[in-house]
Protein backbone atom coordinates (compact mmCIF):
# COMPACT_ATOMS: atom_id res chain seq x y z
CA MET A 1 -17.23 -2.41 -1.23
CA LEU A 2 -17.83 -3.73 2.27
CA ARG A 3 -17.34 -1.22 5.06
CA PHE A 4 -16.24 -1.91 8.63
CA ASP A 5 -15.25 0.09 11.67
CA ALA A 6 -12.56 -0.60 14.23
CA THR A 7 -14.97 -2.58 16.43
CA ASN A 8 -16.29 -5.01 13.81
CA ALA A 9 -13.38 -5.50 11.41
CA ASP A 10 -13.58 -9.30 11.46
CA PRO A 11 -10.39 -10.78 9.92
CA VAL A 12 -12.15 -13.91 8.61
CA THR A 13 -14.79 -11.90 6.74
CA ILE A 14 -12.24 -9.41 5.41
CA VAL A 15 -9.83 -12.06 4.14
CA GLU A 16 -12.68 -13.81 2.34
CA GLU A 17 -13.65 -10.50 0.73
CA LEU A 18 -10.05 -9.83 -0.37
CA LEU A 19 -9.53 -13.27 -1.86
CA ASN A 20 -12.86 -14.35 -3.30
CA GLU A 21 -15.24 -11.40 -3.47
CA LYS A 22 -14.66 -7.77 -4.52
CA GLY A 23 -11.01 -7.65 -3.40
CA ALA A 24 -11.21 -4.48 -1.28
CA VAL A 25 -12.76 -3.22 1.97
CA LEU A 26 -12.99 0.10 3.80
CA ILE A 27 -12.30 0.38 7.55
CA SER A 28 -13.10 3.50 9.57
CA GLY A 29 -12.24 4.60 13.08
CA LEU A 30 -8.60 3.49 13.20
CA PHE A 31 -7.01 6.95 13.38
CA THR A 32 -7.86 10.21 15.11
CA ALA A 33 -8.38 13.55 13.43
CA ASP A 34 -5.14 14.77 15.02
CA GLN A 35 -3.18 11.86 13.55
CA ILE A 36 -4.58 12.52 10.09
CA ALA A 37 -3.82 16.25 10.36
CA GLU A 38 -0.25 15.55 11.49
CA ALA A 39 0.37 13.08 8.65
CA ARG A 40 -1.06 15.50 6.11
CA ARG A 41 1.05 18.38 7.42
CA ILE A 42 4.27 16.39 7.17
CA ILE A 43 3.47 15.12 3.67
CA HIS A 44 2.69 18.60 2.39
CA GLU A 45 5.90 19.90 3.93
CA HIS A 46 7.96 17.24 2.13
CA SER A 47 6.14 17.56 -1.19
CA ALA A 48 6.07 21.33 -1.56
CA GLU A 49 8.21 20.91 -4.67
CA ALA A 50 7.78 18.23 -7.32
CA ASP A 51 11.08 16.38 -7.05
CA THR A 52 9.70 12.83 -7.19
CA VAL A 53 6.91 11.20 -9.12
CA THR A 54 4.99 7.97 -8.94
CA HIS A 55 4.55 5.10 -11.40
CA PHE A 56 1.86 4.74 -14.10
CA GLN A 57 1.83 8.35 -15.20
CA GLY A 58 -0.09 7.72 -18.41
CA GLN A 59 -0.45 11.00 -20.32
CA ALA A 60 0.96 13.05 -17.44
CA ALA A 61 4.40 13.44 -18.99
CA ALA A 62 3.04 14.33 -22.40
CA ASP A 63 0.58 16.79 -20.90
CA GLY A 64 3.20 18.47 -18.73
CA LYS A 65 1.44 17.51 -15.49
CA LEU A 66 4.06 15.38 -13.75
CA ASN A 67 4.41 18.07 -11.07
CA LEU A 68 0.77 17.54 -10.02
CA GLN A 69 1.33 14.02 -8.68
CA ARG A 70 3.98 13.72 -5.97
CA ARG A 71 5.45 10.93 -3.84
CA VAL A 72 7.02 11.19 -0.40
CA TRP A 73 9.17 8.20 0.55
CA ASN A 74 10.74 6.95 3.79
CA LEU A 75 7.82 8.08 5.94
CA LEU A 76 8.91 6.16 9.04
CA ALA A 77 11.78 8.61 9.41
CA LYS A 78 9.52 11.64 9.01
CA GLY A 79 7.11 11.25 11.93
CA ASP A 80 5.94 8.81 14.62
CA VAL A 81 2.42 8.96 13.23
CA PHE A 82 3.51 6.81 10.28
CA SER A 83 4.77 4.05 12.58
CA ASP A 84 1.38 4.14 14.29
CA MET A 85 -0.33 3.76 10.92
CA ALA A 86 1.90 0.97 9.65
CA ALA A 87 1.57 -1.16 12.79
CA HIS A 88 -2.02 -0.44 13.82
CA PRO A 89 -3.28 -3.49 15.78
CA VAL A 90 -6.40 -3.95 13.63
CA ILE A 91 -4.36 -3.91 10.41
CA MET A 92 -1.76 -6.27 11.92
CA THR A 93 -4.43 -8.75 13.02
CA ILE A 94 -6.07 -8.86 9.60
CA LEU A 95 -2.84 -9.18 7.66
CA ARG A 96 -1.43 -11.88 9.91
CA ARG A 97 -4.32 -14.00 8.68
CA PHE A 98 -3.90 -12.90 5.07
CA LEU A 99 -0.09 -12.91 4.61
CA GLY A 100 1.12 -15.11 7.47
CA THR A 101 2.05 -14.21 11.02
CA GLU A 102 5.51 -12.89 10.09
CA PHE A 103 4.55 -10.68 7.13
CA ILE A 104 6.68 -7.60 6.44
CA MET A 105 6.29 -4.14 4.96
CA GLY A 106 7.57 -3.50 1.46
CA SER A 107 7.08 0.25 1.39
CA ILE A 108 5.37 3.15 3.13
CA ALA A 109 5.01 6.33 1.11
CA ALA A 110 2.53 9.09 0.37
CA ASN A 111 0.86 9.94 -2.91
CA ARG A 112 -0.34 13.53 -3.24
CA ILE A 113 -2.41 14.46 -6.28
CA LEU A 114 -2.86 18.19 -6.61
CA PRO A 115 -5.90 19.82 -8.25
CA GLY A 116 -5.75 19.04 -11.96
CA GLY A 117 -3.54 15.99 -11.37
CA PRO A 118 -4.07 13.34 -14.06
CA GLY A 119 -4.17 10.19 -11.95
CA GLN A 120 -2.62 6.91 -13.10
CA GLU A 121 -2.95 4.13 -15.64
CA PRO A 122 -4.82 1.00 -14.46
CA HIS A 123 -2.32 -1.43 -12.97
CA VAL A 124 -1.69 -4.05 -10.30
CA ASP A 125 0.78 -4.15 -7.39
CA TYR A 126 1.80 -7.79 -7.30
CA PRO A 127 3.96 -7.97 -5.36
CA TYR A 128 5.15 -4.60 -6.64
CA TRP A 129 4.15 -2.39 -9.58
CA ASP A 130 5.96 -4.12 -12.49
CA PHE A 131 3.77 -7.14 -13.22
CA TYR A 132 3.28 -5.73 -16.72
CA LYS A 133 6.76 -7.17 -17.41
CA ALA A 134 5.42 -10.73 -17.26
CA GLU A 135 8.66 -12.25 -18.53
CA THR A 136 10.49 -11.07 -15.39
CA HIS A 137 8.17 -13.12 -13.14
CA PRO A 138 8.01 -16.92 -12.80
CA VAL A 139 6.04 -18.94 -15.32
CA GLY A 140 2.69 -20.10 -13.93
CA LEU A 141 2.50 -17.37 -11.29
CA ASN A 142 -0.94 -17.77 -9.79
CA GLY A 143 -3.20 -16.61 -7.00
CA SER A 144 -3.23 -19.78 -4.91
CA PHE A 145 -1.85 -17.65 -2.10
CA PRO A 146 -1.49 -13.85 -1.77
CA MET A 147 1.87 -12.13 -2.12
CA ASN A 148 0.72 -8.60 -1.45
CA ALA A 149 -1.73 -6.40 0.45
CA GLN A 150 -2.20 -2.66 0.01
CA VAL A 151 -3.37 -0.14 2.59
CA SER A 152 -4.34 3.43 1.72
CA VAL A 153 -4.88 5.74 4.70
CA LEU A 154 -7.03 8.55 3.35
CA LEU A 155 -5.87 12.04 4.34
CA ASP A 156 -8.41 13.95 2.25
CA PRO A 157 -11.96 13.18 1.11
CA PHE A 158 -11.90 10.48 -1.56
CA THR A 159 -14.75 11.39 -3.87
CA GLU A 160 -15.31 10.95 -7.58
CA GLU A 161 -14.38 14.60 -8.04
CA THR A 162 -11.11 14.41 -6.08
CA GLY A 163 -10.01 11.25 -7.90
CA ALA A 164 -10.81 8.43 -5.48
CA THR A 165 -9.03 5.21 -6.37
CA ALA A 166 -10.88 3.18 -8.99
CA TYR A 167 -10.83 -0.63 -9.06
CA VAL A 168 -12.61 -3.48 -10.82
CA PRO A 169 -14.33 -5.69 -8.22
CA GLY A 170 -13.30 -9.33 -8.54
CA SER A 171 -10.37 -8.60 -10.85
CA GLN A 172 -7.95 -10.01 -8.26
CA LYS A 173 -9.05 -13.45 -9.47
CA GLU A 174 -7.63 -12.77 -12.95
CA LEU A 175 -4.04 -12.44 -11.77
CA ARG A 176 -2.86 -10.61 -14.86
CA TYR A 177 -2.15 -7.10 -15.93
CA PRO A 178 -5.17 -5.16 -17.25
CA THR A 179 -5.34 -4.34 -20.95
CA GLU A 180 -7.44 -1.95 -23.01
CA ALA A 181 -9.71 -4.86 -23.92
CA ASP A 182 -10.74 -5.15 -20.26
CA ASN A 183 -12.67 -1.85 -20.46
CA PHE A 184 -11.45 -0.83 -17.01
CA TYR A 185 -13.24 2.51 -16.88
CA ASP A 186 -16.59 1.02 -17.86
CA ARG A 187 -16.40 -1.62 -15.11
CA CYS A 188 -14.69 0.13 -12.22
CA GLU A 189 -16.04 1.23 -8.86
CA ARG A 190 -14.49 3.82 -6.52
CA MET A 191 -12.88 3.51 -3.09
CA LEU A 192 -14.88 6.39 -1.62
CA GLY A 193 -14.16 7.55 1.94
CA GLU A 194 -13.42 10.31 4.40
CA PRO A 195 -10.12 11.42 5.99
CA GLY A 196 -9.03 8.72 8.43
CA ASP A 197 -10.67 5.86 6.56
CA VAL A 198 -8.49 2.97 5.44
CA ALA A 199 -8.89 1.23 2.10
CA LEU A 200 -7.45 -2.28 2.38
CA PHE A 201 -7.19 -4.25 -0.84
CA TYR A 202 -5.47 -7.16 -2.54
CA GLY A 203 -2.88 -5.49 -4.74
CA VAL A 204 -3.50 -7.77 -7.70
CA ALA A 205 -6.92 -6.16 -8.18
CA TRP A 206 -6.87 -3.80 -11.14
CA HIS A 207 -6.83 -0.25 -9.81
CA CYS A 208 -5.56 3.28 -10.32
CA ALA A 209 -5.75 6.79 -8.93
CA MET A 210 -8.21 8.85 -10.94
CA PRO A 211 -7.81 12.46 -12.11
CA ASN A 212 -8.32 15.12 -9.45
CA LYS A 213 -10.96 17.41 -10.93
CA SER A 214 -11.56 19.31 -7.69
CA ASP A 215 -9.97 22.41 -6.19
CA GLN A 216 -8.41 20.52 -3.25
CA ASP A 217 -5.60 18.03 -2.71
CA ARG A 218 -6.19 14.30 -2.71
CA SER A 219 -3.53 12.66 -0.52
CA ALA A 220 -3.07 9.24 1.07
CA VAL A 221 -0.46 7.19 2.90
CA LEU A 222 0.22 4.07 0.83
CA ILE A 223 1.54 0.98 2.62
CA ASN A 224 2.64 -2.18 0.83
CA TYR A 225 2.72 -5.42 2.87
CA LEU A 226 4.36 -8.68 1.77
CA PRO A 227 5.00 -12.24 2.93
CA LYS A 228 8.21 -12.45 4.94
CA TRP A 229 10.25 -13.91 2.06
CA VAL A 230 9.45 -11.33 -0.64
CA LYS A 231 12.16 -8.71 -1.11
CA PRO A 232 10.86 -5.27 0.01
CA LEU A 233 10.60 -2.44 -2.47
CA GLU A 234 12.20 0.05 -0.05
CA ASP A 235 15.33 -0.65 2.02
CA MET A 236 13.78 0.94 5.09
CA PRO A 237 16.32 -0.20 7.72
CA ALA A 238 19.12 1.42 5.72
CA ALA A 239 17.23 4.73 5.62
CA LEU A 240 16.35 4.86 9.31
CA PRO A 241 18.55 6.22 12.12
CA ASP A 242 20.07 3.84 14.65
CA ASP A 243 17.89 5.10 17.50
CA PHE A 244 14.74 4.30 15.52
CA MET A 245 15.89 0.71 15.06
CA THR A 246 16.89 0.42 18.72
CA ASN A 247 13.55 1.68 19.99
CA ALA A 248 11.29 0.00 17.43
CA SER A 249 8.36 -1.98 18.80
CA ALA A 250 8.10 -5.71 18.25
CA ASP A 251 5.55 -5.17 15.47
CA LEU A 252 7.73 -2.60 13.73
CA ARG A 253 10.73 -4.91 13.92
CA GLN A 254 8.64 -7.57 12.23
CA LEU A 255 7.49 -5.13 9.54
CA LEU A 256 11.09 -4.09 8.87
CA GLY A 257 12.06 -7.72 8.27
CA LEU A 258 14.34 -7.96 11.28
CA ASN A 259 12.74 -11.19 12.51
CA TYR A 260 13.60 -12.98 9.27
CA PRO A 261 17.29 -12.21 8.69
CA TYR A 262 17.90 -13.90 5.35
CA PRO A 263 19.99 -13.63 3.32
CA GLU A 264 22.84 -13.85 5.79
CA VAL A 265 26.30 -15.39 5.96
CA LEU A 266 25.38 -18.75 7.46
CA ASP A 267 29.01 -19.56 8.33
CA GLN A 268 28.72 -16.73 10.84
CA ALA A 269 25.11 -17.26 11.90
CA LYS A 270 24.28 -18.13 15.46
CA SER A 271 23.08 -21.67 16.05
CA GLY A 272 19.62 -20.41 17.00
CA ASN A 273 19.19 -19.04 13.48
CA ALA A 274 20.34 -22.17 11.69
CA VAL A 275 18.32 -23.21 8.67
CA GLY A 276 16.46 -26.49 8.73
CA ARG A 277 15.41 -26.28 12.40
CA LYS A 278 12.57 -28.65 13.34
């Protein structure tokens, strides 16, 4: 897994790595210790009780461990630090090359795996989490262009013991859901890093959170980015207060899909938004 810092995160090299090499990179130096501490504090506050869970639980339900893996949604409304993370200039520059200059955000949430948490089943996020239902996606779906990028901002040490994300390098080229025959656990590597590091990966790479066998939490902010025309997973504008929308930066407005207003009632659209402009 190639590693970069904020000063040498070359978009050309990173996009090549995402598309044609291992499918994931690690970037350090984007966020301060104070930002990471603030994000972690807020996430712990909102996940003190297990009222939501994540996808790909595997044996968690059968083992009675659903309460050890917790999601926190709608992070933009819970602290300014999450806006800073979502629209960091280095991340924006890289993804404008990868997903097009007007890419959007599909979701921003946190995943908190408590000690003893069972992790997830191997899966892909392309463009969401349900690519295992192949019949619900178009025939011939292929990887000629990316429809997803994933960012994990690490809030705790990601080690083998804490359950650092596992992935199979190069599996993004398969563009299919992993099966038992793929021997995921025999082939996988780990996205190892320290608090503040960012794991950036192509979401069609086979990956999963691993069991947390340590005595500390393993938490991360998970951000899903999409081309401008893919329907977001979260309806973020509907969940945000009016003053947030009014004061949002240009980059945040882009990420919220406000620069690409479709679908809209074209009978009522202003002439400047008319389709078919040349």
